[in-house]
Amino acid sequence: MKTNFERRVKEALPTLAVCYDFDKTLSPDDMQAQGYIQSVGYDVESFWREANRLARDNGMDSNLAYMYKMVEESKGHFALTREKLAEYGARVALFPGVVGWFERIRAYGRGKGVNVEHYIISSGLKEMVEGTEMAKAGAFERIYACSFYFDENGVARWPAQVINYTNKTQFLFRISKGVLDVNDPAVNEPVPPEKVRVPFRNMVYIGDSDTDVPCMRLVNTYGGHSIGVYNEATQDKAKVYKMMTDARIKYFAPADYTEGGGLDVLLKKIIDRTAENEALEAIHYACKKESTGEKTK
């Protein structure tokens, strides 16, 4: 049976895709540690220690291990449903300015002739991200994150999607080609450079740690922009300093998303640059077509 996937094509306006990790990038802590872990009778450190031991002892992906443990530990406490996970997501603390950031940046892009889209690429839980205020307001084009299969009673039984630090990169290719559905095999099909919906030069990846390095490296390699963020409250810059020294990121800033803050100013400058770059690219492709005898549209 043929499946009709949603596929997006290049529009008249250039698109800038801003991709975010979630934990410690938009939120100061792991999302599971802000209500769920405590509700099943664990302290945070013990839960992660046991999940990591489960992964290590069984040659198991660490994200599969924490998801398995979430399902098992919820038994006898509550039904682990999509709605329950969304409730926990609604409680997740966010860095300053996060809630209003997405629409403000989109509006700035419109004013510059750039279509700005926001994407989550996270090893956290999709169902929890969906419970956040900004997700419910439609901030994200797609949320690529670990997710559960729910049975006929709506209870989480099995992982539906698992995202770790290496397979995060596939979603950058999906975004680039406009092949957004996780099951669409067209992500492997070649696309002429002039028809690529979001060239890598028009990608921004914002993250906080080593788990974001493959995405940061990929974006950097093809001319995009990678930004490391750190918690301004702790002033711990060790990770961003290392990522900068290792050429994993181009910039770093406090995880403060308020208007006029360092991150706000930086992303607006990237939008400005995108508008100028794409105007030049349009001239380049017009010259190329004319030189080969193609008609310009």
C-alpha atoms as a PDB file:
ATOM      1  CA  MET A   1       0.000   0.000   0.000  1.00  0.00           C
ATOM      2  CA  LYS A   2       1.411   3.342  -1.074  1.00  0.00           C
ATOM      3  CA  THR A   3       1.742   5.953   1.656  1.00  0.00           C
ATOM      4  CA  ASN A   4       1.318   9.638   0.882  1.00  0.00           C
ATOM      5  CA  PHE A   5       3.979  11.458   2.874  1.00  0.00           C
ATOM      6  CA  GLU A   6       4.062  15.198   3.355  1.00  0.00           C
ATOM      7  CA  ARG A   7       6.974  16.562   1.351  1.00  0.00           C
ATOM      8  CA  ARG A   8       7.886  20.223   1.223  1.00  0.00           C
ATOM      9  CA  VAL A   9       9.568  21.961  -1.668  1.00  0.00           C
ATOM     10  CA  LYS A  10      11.634  25.095  -1.908  1.00  0.00           C
ATOM     11  CA  GLU A  11       9.558  28.253  -1.587  1.00  0.00           C
ATOM     12  CA  ALA A  12      10.092  31.735  -3.002  1.00  0.00           C
ATOM     13  CA  LEU A  13      11.475  32.972   0.325  1.00  0.00           C
ATOM     14  CA  PRO A  14      14.593  31.303   1.735  1.00  0.00           C
ATOM     15  CA  THR A  15      14.025  29.115   4.798  1.00  0.00           C
ATOM     16  CA  LEU A  16      16.266  29.137   7.864  1.00  0.00           C
ATOM     17  CA  ALA A  17      15.844  26.017  10.033  1.00  0.00           C
ATOM     18  CA  VAL A  18      16.739  26.487  13.698  1.00  0.00           C
ATOM     19  CA  CYS A  19      17.203  23.107  15.398  1.00  0.00           C
ATOM     20  CA  TYR A  20      17.365  22.664  19.166  1.00  0.00           C
ATOM     21  CA  ASP A  21      18.335  20.027  21.614  1.00  0.00           C
ATOM     22  CA  PHE A  22      15.952  20.268  24.598  1.00  0.00           C
ATOM     23  CA  ASP A  23      17.436  19.217  27.945  1.00  0.00           C
ATOM     24  CA  LYS A  24      19.929  21.822  29.200  1.00  0.00           C
ATOM     25  CA  THR A  25      19.365  23.790  25.995  1.00  0.00           C
ATOM     26  CA  LEU A  26      15.787  25.016  26.426  1.00  0.00           C
ATOM     27  CA  SER A  27      15.371  23.627  29.946  1.00  0.00           C
ATOM     28  CA  PRO A  28      17.916  23.763  32.809  1.00  0.00           C
ATOM     29  CA  ASP A  29      17.636  20.022  33.577  1.00  0.00           C
ATOM     30  CA  ASP A  30      16.635  16.675  32.080  1.00  0.00           C
ATOM     31  CA  MET A  31      12.881  16.667  31.518  1.00  0.00           C
ATOM     32  CA  GLN A  32      12.448  13.295  33.291  1.00  0.00           C
ATOM     33  CA  ALA A  33      14.104  14.742  36.414  1.00  0.00           C
ATOM     34  CA  GLN A  34      11.476  17.448  36.842  1.00  0.00           C
ATOM     35  CA  GLY A  35       8.609  15.404  38.234  1.00  0.00           C
ATOM     36  CA  TYR A  36       8.494  11.943  36.710  1.00  0.00           C
ATOM     37  CA  ILE A  37      11.488  10.395  38.511  1.00  0.00           C
ATOM     38  CA  GLN A  38      10.361  11.735  41.873  1.00  0.00           C
ATOM     39  CA  SER A  39       6.810  10.447  41.326  1.00  0.00           C
ATOM     40  CA  VAL A  40       7.997   6.824  41.061  1.00  0.00           C
ATOM     41  CA  GLY A  41       9.907   7.013  44.328  1.00  0.00           C
ATOM     42  CA  TYR A  42      13.440   7.626  43.049  1.00  0.00           C
ATOM     43  CA  ASP A  43      15.951  10.326  43.572  1.00  0.00           C
ATOM     44  CA  VAL A  44      17.324  11.601  40.281  1.00  0.00           C
ATOM     45  CA  GLU A  45      20.875  10.324  40.669  1.00  0.00           C
ATOM     46  CA  SER A  46      19.754   6.776  41.539  1.00  0.00           C
ATOM     47  CA  PHE A  47      17.354   6.573  38.603  1.00  0.00           C
ATOM     48  CA  TRP A  48      19.997   7.538  36.047  1.00  0.00           C
ATOM     49  CA  ARG A  49      22.624   5.349  37.676  1.00  0.00           C
ATOM     50  CA  GLU A  50      20.356   2.292  37.417  1.00  0.00           C
ATOM     51  CA  ALA A  51      19.307   3.135  33.854  1.00  0.00           C
ATOM     52  CA  ASN A  52      22.944   3.501  32.812  1.00  0.00           C
ATOM     53  CA  ARG A  53      23.869   0.227  34.507  1.00  0.00           C
ATOM     54  CA  LEU A  54      21.008  -1.521  32.681  1.00  0.00           C
ATOM     55  CA  ALA A  55      22.362  -0.201  29.392  1.00  0.00           C
ATOM     56  CA  ARG A  56      25.956  -1.152  30.183  1.00  0.00           C
ATOM     57  CA  ASP A  57      25.195  -4.659  31.481  1.00  0.00           C
ATOM     58  CA  ASN A  58      23.017  -5.557  28.502  1.00  0.00           C
ATOM     59  CA  GLY A  59      24.796  -3.846  25.629  1.00  0.00           C
ATOM     60  CA  MET A  60      21.714  -1.644  25.372  1.00  0.00           C
ATOM     61  CA  ASP A  61      21.244   1.812  23.904  1.00  0.00           C
ATOM     62  CA  SER A  62      21.141   4.193  26.876  1.00  0.00           C
ATOM     63  CA  ASN A  63      17.939   5.831  25.647  1.00  0.00           C
ATOM     64  CA  LEU A  64      16.197   2.472  25.285  1.00  0.00           C
ATOM     65  CA  ALA A  65      17.321   1.720  28.831  1.00  0.00           C
ATOM     66  CA  TYR A  66      15.810   4.848  30.359  1.00  0.00           C
ATOM     67  CA  MET A  67      12.570   4.351  28.402  1.00  0.00           C
ATOM     68  CA  TYR A  68      12.318   0.734  29.603  1.00  0.00           C
ATOM     69  CA  LYS A  69      12.926   1.863  33.161  1.00  0.00           C
ATOM     70  CA  MET A  70      10.254   4.556  32.879  1.00  0.00           C
ATOM     71  CA  VAL A  71       7.685   1.968  31.796  1.00  0.00           C
ATOM     72  CA  GLU A  72       8.665  -0.507  34.519  1.00  0.00           C
ATOM     73  CA  GLU A  73       8.883   1.988  37.365  1.00  0.00           C
ATOM     74  CA  SER A  74       5.500   3.555  36.586  1.00  0.00           C
ATOM     75  CA  LYS A  75       3.771   0.229  37.322  1.00  0.00           C
ATOM     76  CA  GLY A  76       1.972   0.402  40.646  1.00  0.00           C
ATOM     77  CA  HIS A  77       2.095   4.199  40.631  1.00  0.00           C
ATOM     78  CA  PHE A  78       0.078   5.335  37.593  1.00  0.00           C
ATOM     79  CA  ALA A  79      -0.668   4.477  33.972  1.00  0.00           C
ATOM     80  CA  LEU A  80       2.096   5.890  31.784  1.00  0.00           C
ATOM     81  CA  THR A  81      -0.133   7.443  29.131  1.00  0.00           C
ATOM     82  CA  ARG A  82       0.468  10.127  26.535  1.00  0.00           C
ATOM     83  CA  GLU A  83      -1.631  12.496  28.650  1.00  0.00           C
ATOM     84  CA  LYS A  84       0.383  11.742  31.805  1.00  0.00           C
ATOM     85  CA  LEU A  85       3.652  12.417  30.009  1.00  0.00           C
ATOM     86  CA  ALA A  86       2.251  15.671  28.655  1.00  0.00           C
ATOM     87  CA  GLU A  87       1.366  16.667  32.228  1.00  0.00           C
ATOM     88  CA  TYR A  88       4.981  16.168  33.244  1.00  0.00           C
ATOM     89  CA  GLY A  89       6.064  18.126  30.190  1.00  0.00           C
ATOM     90  CA  ALA A  90       3.900  21.054  31.236  1.00  0.00           C
ATOM     91  CA  ARG A  91       5.845  21.234  34.519  1.00  0.00           C
ATOM     92  CA  VAL A  92       9.273  21.391  32.914  1.00  0.00           C
ATOM     93  CA  ALA A  93      11.205  24.540  33.793  1.00  0.00           C
ATOM     94  CA  LEU A  94      12.443  26.633  30.881  1.00  0.00           C
ATOM     95  CA  PHE A  95      15.301  29.055  30.499  1.00  0.00           C
ATOM     96  CA  PRO A  96      14.431  32.788  30.528  1.00  0.00           C
ATOM     97  CA  GLY A  97      12.590  33.978  27.437  1.00  0.00           C
ATOM     98  CA  VAL A  98      12.008  30.545  25.881  1.00  0.00           C
ATOM     99  CA  VAL A  99       8.213  30.728  25.624  1.00  0.00           C
ATOM    100  CA  GLY A 100       8.102  33.939  23.580  1.00  0.00           C
ATOM    101  CA  TRP A 101      11.302  33.290  21.631  1.00  0.00           C
ATOM    102  CA  PHE A 102       9.993  31.212  18.737  1.00  0.00           C
ATOM    103  CA  GLU A 103       7.346  33.571  17.410  1.00  0.00           C
ATOM    104  CA  ARG A 104       9.558  36.608  18.027  1.00  0.00           C
ATOM    105  CA  ILE A 105      12.349  35.088  15.912  1.00  0.00           C
ATOM    106  CA  ARG A 106       9.876  34.047  13.209  1.00  0.00           C
ATOM    107  CA  ALA A 107       8.519  37.602  13.073  1.00  0.00           C
ATOM    108  CA  TYR A 108      12.023  39.036  12.770  1.00  0.00           C
ATOM    109  CA  GLY A 109      12.718  36.635   9.913  1.00  0.00           C
ATOM    110  CA  ARG A 110       9.549  37.682   8.074  1.00  0.00           C
ATOM    111  CA  GLY A 111      10.670  41.283   8.298  1.00  0.00           C
ATOM    112  CA  LYS A 112      13.938  40.319   6.598  1.00  0.00           C
ATOM    113  CA  GLY A 113      12.343  38.134   3.918  1.00  0.00           C
ATOM    114  CA  VAL A 114      13.409  34.875   5.579  1.00  0.00           C
ATOM    115  CA  ASN A 115      11.048  32.077   6.591  1.00  0.00           C
ATOM    116  CA  VAL A 116      12.278  30.839  10.002  1.00  0.00           C
ATOM    117  CA  GLU A 117      11.264  27.358  11.155  1.00  0.00           C
ATOM    118  CA  HIS A 118      11.976  25.761  14.550  1.00  0.00           C
ATOM    119  CA  TYR A 119      12.674  22.051  15.101  1.00  0.00           C
ATOM    120  CA  ILE A 120      13.403  19.929  18.166  1.00  0.00           C
ATOM    121  CA  ILE A 121      15.990  17.142  17.769  1.00  0.00           C
ATOM    122  CA  SER A 122      16.307  15.547  21.196  1.00  0.00           C
ATOM    123  CA  SER A 123      16.989  12.325  23.070  1.00  0.00           C
ATOM    124  CA  GLY A 124      14.266  13.389  25.486  1.00  0.00           C
ATOM    125  CA  LEU A 125      10.618  12.381  25.145  1.00  0.00           C
ATOM    126  CA  LYS A 126       8.395  13.699  22.384  1.00  0.00           C
ATOM    127  CA  GLU A 127       5.269  13.257  24.495  1.00  0.00           C
ATOM    128  CA  MET A 128       6.747  15.452  27.226  1.00  0.00           C
ATOM    129  CA  VAL A 129       7.919  18.150  24.801  1.00  0.00           C
ATOM    130  CA  GLU A 130       4.390  18.170  23.355  1.00  0.00           C
ATOM    131  CA  GLY A 131       3.105  19.124  26.809  1.00  0.00           C
ATOM    132  CA  THR A 132       5.149  22.336  26.986  1.00  0.00           C
ATOM    133  CA  GLU A 133       3.488  25.695  26.544  1.00  0.00           C
ATOM    134  CA  MET A 134       5.354  26.585  23.373  1.00  0.00           C
ATOM    135  CA  ALA A 135       4.715  23.212  21.713  1.00  0.00           C
ATOM    136  CA  LYS A 136       0.983  23.521  22.412  1.00  0.00           C
ATOM    137  CA  ALA A 137       1.123  26.993  20.831  1.00  0.00           C
ATOM    138  CA  GLY A 138       2.571  25.496  17.631  1.00  0.00           C
ATOM    139  CA  ALA A 139       6.168  26.681  18.006  1.00  0.00           C
ATOM    140  CA  PHE A 140       7.745  23.677  16.276  1.00  0.00           C
ATOM    141  CA  GLU A 141       7.492  22.410  12.727  1.00  0.00           C
ATOM    142  CA  ARG A 142       8.481  18.954  13.975  1.00  0.00           C
ATOM    143  CA  ILE A 143       9.507  17.420  17.276  1.00  0.00           C
ATOM    144  CA  TYR A 144      12.046  14.678  16.624  1.00  0.00           C
ATOM    145  CA  ALA A 145      12.533  12.919  19.955  1.00  0.00           C
ATOM    146  CA  CYS A 146      12.229   9.524  21.613  1.00  0.00           C
ATOM    147  CA  SER A 147       8.621   8.373  21.765  1.00  0.00           C
ATOM    148  CA  PHE A 148       6.515   5.442  22.951  1.00  0.00           C
ATOM    149  CA  TYR A 149       4.125   3.029  21.298  1.00  0.00           C
ATOM    150  CA  PHE A 150       0.836   3.157  23.238  1.00  0.00           C
ATOM    151  CA  ASP A 151      -1.446   0.130  23.419  1.00  0.00           C
ATOM    152  CA  GLU A 152      -5.228   0.009  22.928  1.00  0.00           C
ATOM    153  CA  ASN A 153      -5.665   1.378  26.452  1.00  0.00           C
ATOM    154  CA  GLY A 154      -3.372   4.303  25.755  1.00  0.00           C
ATOM    155  CA  VAL A 155      -0.571   2.976  27.995  1.00  0.00           C
ATOM    156  CA  ALA A 156       3.106   3.132  26.951  1.00  0.00           C
ATOM    157  CA  ARG A 157       4.333  -0.366  26.121  1.00  0.00           C
ATOM    158  CA  TRP A 158       7.320  -0.117  23.785  1.00  0.00           C
ATOM    159  CA  PRO A 159       9.610   2.485  22.176  1.00  0.00           C
ATOM    160  CA  ALA A 160       8.246   3.791  18.897  1.00  0.00           C
ATOM    161  CA  GLN A 161      11.246   6.006  18.146  1.00  0.00           C
ATOM    162  CA  VAL A 162      14.648   6.231  19.788  1.00  0.00           C
ATOM    163  CA  ILE A 163      17.008   9.108  19.065  1.00  0.00           C
ATOM    164  CA  ASN A 164      20.617   9.083  20.191  1.00  0.00           C
ATOM    165  CA  TYR A 165      23.508  11.410  19.505  1.00  0.00           C
ATOM    166  CA  THR A 166      24.557   9.752  16.232  1.00  0.00           C
ATOM    167  CA  ASN A 167      21.190   9.191  14.558  1.00  0.00           C
ATOM    168  CA  LYS A 168      20.166  12.778  15.305  1.00  0.00           C
ATOM    169  CA  THR A 169      21.913  13.741  12.081  1.00  0.00           C
ATOM    170  CA  GLN A 170      19.344  11.995   9.851  1.00  0.00           C
ATOM    171  CA  PHE A 171      16.798  14.601  10.844  1.00  0.00           C
ATOM    172  CA  LEU A 172      18.992  17.403   9.544  1.00  0.00           C
ATOM    173  CA  PHE A 173      18.898  15.702   6.131  1.00  0.00           C
ATOM    174  CA  ARG A 174      15.110  15.336   6.392  1.00  0.00           C
ATOM    175  CA  ILE A 175      14.732  19.018   7.182  1.00  0.00           C
ATOM    176  CA  SER A 176      17.126  19.979   4.397  1.00  0.00           C
ATOM    177  CA  LYS A 177      15.213  18.014   1.755  1.00  0.00           C
ATOM    178  CA  GLY A 178      11.716  18.752   3.095  1.00  0.00           C
ATOM    179  CA  VAL A 179      11.186  15.017   3.736  1.00  0.00           C
ATOM    180  CA  LEU A 180       9.898  15.438   7.266  1.00  0.00           C
ATOM    181  CA  ASP A 181       8.107  12.159   8.020  1.00  0.00           C
ATOM    182  CA  VAL A 182      10.348   9.756   9.958  1.00  0.00           C
ATOM    183  CA  ASN A 183       9.279   6.817   7.747  1.00  0.00           C
ATOM    184  CA  ASP A 184       9.672   8.526   4.363  1.00  0.00           C
ATOM    185  CA  PRO A 185      12.475   6.773   2.407  1.00  0.00           C
ATOM    186  CA  ALA A 186      12.783   9.746   0.032  1.00  0.00           C
ATOM    187  CA  VAL A 187      15.366  11.177   2.433  1.00  0.00           C
ATOM    188  CA  ASN A 188      17.888   9.023   0.547  1.00  0.00           C
ATOM    189  CA  GLU A 189      17.010  10.427  -2.878  1.00  0.00           C
ATOM    190  CA  PRO A 190      19.341  12.995  -4.483  1.00  0.00           C
ATOM    191  CA  VAL A 191      18.139  16.579  -4.833  1.00  0.00           C
ATOM    192  CA  PRO A 192      19.796  19.129  -7.163  1.00  0.00           C
ATOM    193  CA  PRO A 193      21.498  21.857  -5.092  1.00  0.00           C
ATOM    194  CA  GLU A 194      19.286  24.613  -6.454  1.00  0.00           C
ATOM    195  CA  LYS A 195      16.156  22.683  -5.380  1.00  0.00           C
ATOM    196  CA  VAL A 196      17.214  21.844  -1.837  1.00  0.00           C
ATOM    197  CA  ARG A 197      14.580  23.357   0.443  1.00  0.00           C
ATOM    198  CA  VAL A 198      16.923  24.222   3.327  1.00  0.00           C
ATOM    199  CA  PRO A 199      20.606  24.198   2.351  1.00  0.00           C
ATOM    200  CA  PHE A 200      22.888  23.378   5.272  1.00  0.00           C
ATOM    201  CA  ARG A 201      24.204  26.937   5.089  1.00  0.00           C
ATOM    202  CA  ASN A 202      20.697  27.926   6.236  1.00  0.00           C
ATOM    203  CA  MET A 203      20.706  25.692   9.305  1.00  0.00           C
ATOM    204  CA  VAL A 204      21.349  26.619  12.913  1.00  0.00           C
ATOM    205  CA  TYR A 205      21.911  23.957  15.562  1.00  0.00           C
ATOM    206  CA  ILE A 206      21.697  24.976  19.221  1.00  0.00           C
ATOM    207  CA  GLY A 207      22.864  22.515  21.878  1.00  0.00           C
ATOM    208  CA  ASP A 208      24.774  22.191  25.113  1.00  0.00           C
ATOM    209  CA  SER A 209      26.989  19.121  25.165  1.00  0.00           C
ATOM    210  CA  ASP A 210      28.908  16.279  23.497  1.00  0.00           C
ATOM    211  CA  THR A 211      25.673  14.532  22.478  1.00  0.00           C
ATOM    212  CA  ASP A 212      25.069  17.417  20.064  1.00  0.00           C
ATOM    213  CA  VAL A 213      28.514  17.228  18.464  1.00  0.00           C
ATOM    214  CA  PRO A 214      27.596  15.091  15.391  1.00  0.00           C
ATOM    215  CA  CYS A 215      24.853  17.555  14.414  1.00  0.00           C
ATOM    216  CA  MET A 216      27.061  20.548  15.149  1.00  0.00           C
ATOM    217  CA  ARG A 217      29.907  19.101  13.103  1.00  0.00           C
ATOM    218  CA  LEU A 218      27.632  18.331  10.152  1.00  0.00           C
ATOM    219  CA  VAL A 219      26.103  21.806  10.150  1.00  0.00           C
ATOM    220  CA  ASN A 220      29.540  23.429  10.444  1.00  0.00           C
ATOM    221  CA  THR A 221      31.026  21.357   7.632  1.00  0.00           C
ATOM    222  CA  TYR A 222      28.449  22.571   5.132  1.00  0.00           C
ATOM    223  CA  GLY A 223      28.465  26.237   6.071  1.00  0.00           C
ATOM    224  CA  GLY A 224      25.729  26.407   8.706  1.00  0.00           C
ATOM    225  CA  HIS A 225      25.818  27.830  12.208  1.00  0.00           C
ATOM    226  CA  SER A 226      26.299  25.874  15.446  1.00  0.00           C
ATOM    227  CA  ILE A 227      25.769  27.514  18.824  1.00  0.00           C
ATOM    228  CA  GLY A 228      26.700  26.120  22.227  1.00  0.00           C
ATOM    229  CA  VAL A 229      24.691  27.324  25.212  1.00  0.00           C
ATOM    230  CA  TYR A 230      25.424  27.226  28.929  1.00  0.00           C
ATOM    231  CA  ASN A 231      23.434  27.877  32.091  1.00  0.00           C
ATOM    232  CA  GLU A 232      24.050  31.480  33.083  1.00  0.00           C
ATOM    233  CA  ALA A 233      23.035  30.723  36.685  1.00  0.00           C
ATOM    234  CA  THR A 234      25.964  28.331  37.179  1.00  0.00           C
ATOM    235  CA  GLN A 235      28.395  30.065  34.798  1.00  0.00           C
ATOM    236  CA  ASP A 236      29.807  26.644  33.945  1.00  0.00           C
ATOM    237  CA  LYS A 237      31.341  27.202  30.516  1.00  0.00           C
ATOM    238  CA  ALA A 238      33.616  24.139  30.468  1.00  0.00           C
ATOM    239  CA  LYS A 239      31.574  22.306  27.823  1.00  0.00           C
ATOM    240  CA  VAL A 240      31.189  25.257  25.457  1.00  0.00           C
ATOM    241  CA  TYR A 241      34.860  26.138  25.841  1.00  0.00           C
ATOM    242  CA  LYS A 242      35.815  22.574  24.893  1.00  0.00           C
ATOM    243  CA  MET A 243      33.405  22.508  21.943  1.00  0.00           C
ATOM    244  CA  MET A 244      34.822  25.822  20.750  1.00  0.00           C
ATOM    245  CA  THR A 245      38.412  24.628  21.121  1.00  0.00           C
ATOM    246  CA  ASP A 246      37.567  21.411  19.245  1.00  0.00           C
ATOM    247  CA  ALA A 247      35.873  23.436  16.453  1.00  0.00           C
ATOM    248  CA  ARG A 248      32.483  21.820  17.136  1.00  0.00           C
ATOM    249  CA  ILE A 249      30.699  25.162  17.482  1.00  0.00           C
ATOM    250  CA  LYS A 250      31.109  28.576  15.908  1.00  0.00           C
ATOM    251  CA  TYR A 251      29.582  30.576  18.751  1.00  0.00           C
ATOM    252  CA  PHE A 252      28.481  30.230  22.363  1.00  0.00           C
ATOM    253  CA  ALA A 253      26.102  32.225  24.538  1.00  0.00           C
ATOM    254  CA  PRO A 254      24.134  31.942  27.786  1.00  0.00           C
ATOM    255  CA  ALA A 255      20.907  29.943  27.488  1.00  0.00           C
ATOM    256  CA  ASP A 256      18.928  33.175  27.867  1.00  0.00           C
ATOM    257  CA  TYR A 257      16.300  33.631  25.162  1.00  0.00           C
ATOM    258  CA  THR A 258      15.039  37.052  26.218  1.00  0.00           C
ATOM    259  CA  GLU A 259      14.816  39.872  23.697  1.00  0.00           C
ATOM    260  CA  GLY A 260      18.050  41.812  23.443  1.00  0.00           C
ATOM    261  CA  GLY A 261      20.098  39.045  25.069  1.00  0.00           C
ATOM    262  CA  GLY A 262      23.254  37.639  23.504  1.00  0.00           C
ATOM    263  CA  LEU A 263      21.495  34.684  21.871  1.00  0.00           C
ATOM    264  CA  ASP A 264      18.729  36.902  20.504  1.00  0.00           C
ATOM    265  CA  VAL A 265      21.240  39.303  18.958  1.00  0.00           C
ATOM    266  CA  LEU A 266      23.300  36.446  17.512  1.00  0.00           C
ATOM    267  CA  LEU A 267      20.400  34.677  15.837  1.00  0.00           C
ATOM    268  CA  LYS A 268      19.093  37.913  14.358  1.00  0.00           C
ATOM    269  CA  LYS A 269      22.532  38.529  12.831  1.00  0.00           C
ATOM    270  CA  ILE A 270      22.398  35.029  11.346  1.00  0.00           C
ATOM    271  CA  ILE A 271      18.991  35.866   9.846  1.00  0.00           C
ATOM    272  CA  ASP A 272      20.411  39.086   8.396  1.00  0.00           C
ATOM    273  CA  ARG A 273      23.298  37.155   6.872  1.00  0.00           C
ATOM    274  CA  THR A 274      20.949  34.513   5.475  1.00  0.00           C
ATOM    275  CA  ALA A 275      18.931  37.171   3.647  1.00  0.00           C
ATOM    276  CA  GLU A 276      22.094  38.572   2.028  1.00  0.00           C
ATOM    277  CA  ASN A 277      23.553  35.154   1.197  1.00  0.00           C
ATOM    278  CA  GLU A 278      20.377  33.926  -0.458  1.00  0.00           C
ATOM    279  CA  ALA A 279      20.083  37.071  -2.578  1.00  0.00           C
ATOM    280  CA  LEU A 280      23.587  36.334  -3.892  1.00  0.00           C
ATOM    281  CA  GLU A 281      22.758  32.658  -4.421  1.00  0.00           C
ATOM    282  CA  ALA A 282      19.732  33.632  -6.522  1.00  0.00           C
ATOM    283  CA  ILE A 283      21.968  35.754  -8.767  1.00  0.00           C
ATOM    284  CA  HIS A 284      24.479  32.899  -8.987  1.00  0.00           C
ATOM    285  CA  TYR A 285      21.879  30.376 -10.161  1.00  0.00           C
ATOM    286  CA  ALA A 286      20.402  32.863 -12.649  1.00  0.00           C
ATOM    287  CA  CYS A 287      23.876  33.407 -14.165  1.00  0.00           C
ATOM    288  CA  LYS A 288      24.505  29.683 -14.236  1.00  0.00           C
ATOM    289  CA  LYS A 289      21.250  28.984 -16.064  1.00  0.00           C
ATOM    290  CA  GLU A 290      21.863  31.700 -18.613  1.00  0.00           C
ATOM    291  CA  SER A 291      25.397  30.490 -19.287  1.00  0.00           C
ATOM    292  CA  THR A 292      24.133  26.962 -20.029  1.00  0.00           C
ATOM    293  CA  GLY A 293      21.258  28.165 -22.214  1.00  0.00           C
ATOM    294  CA  GLU A 294      18.472  27.427 -19.720  1.00  0.00           C
ATOM    295  CA  LYS A 295      15.579  29.833 -19.487  1.00  0.00           C
ATOM    296  CA  THR A 296      15.342  31.678 -16.178  1.00  0.00           C
ATOM    297  CA  LYS A 297      12.010  31.888 -14.450  1.00  0.00           C
END
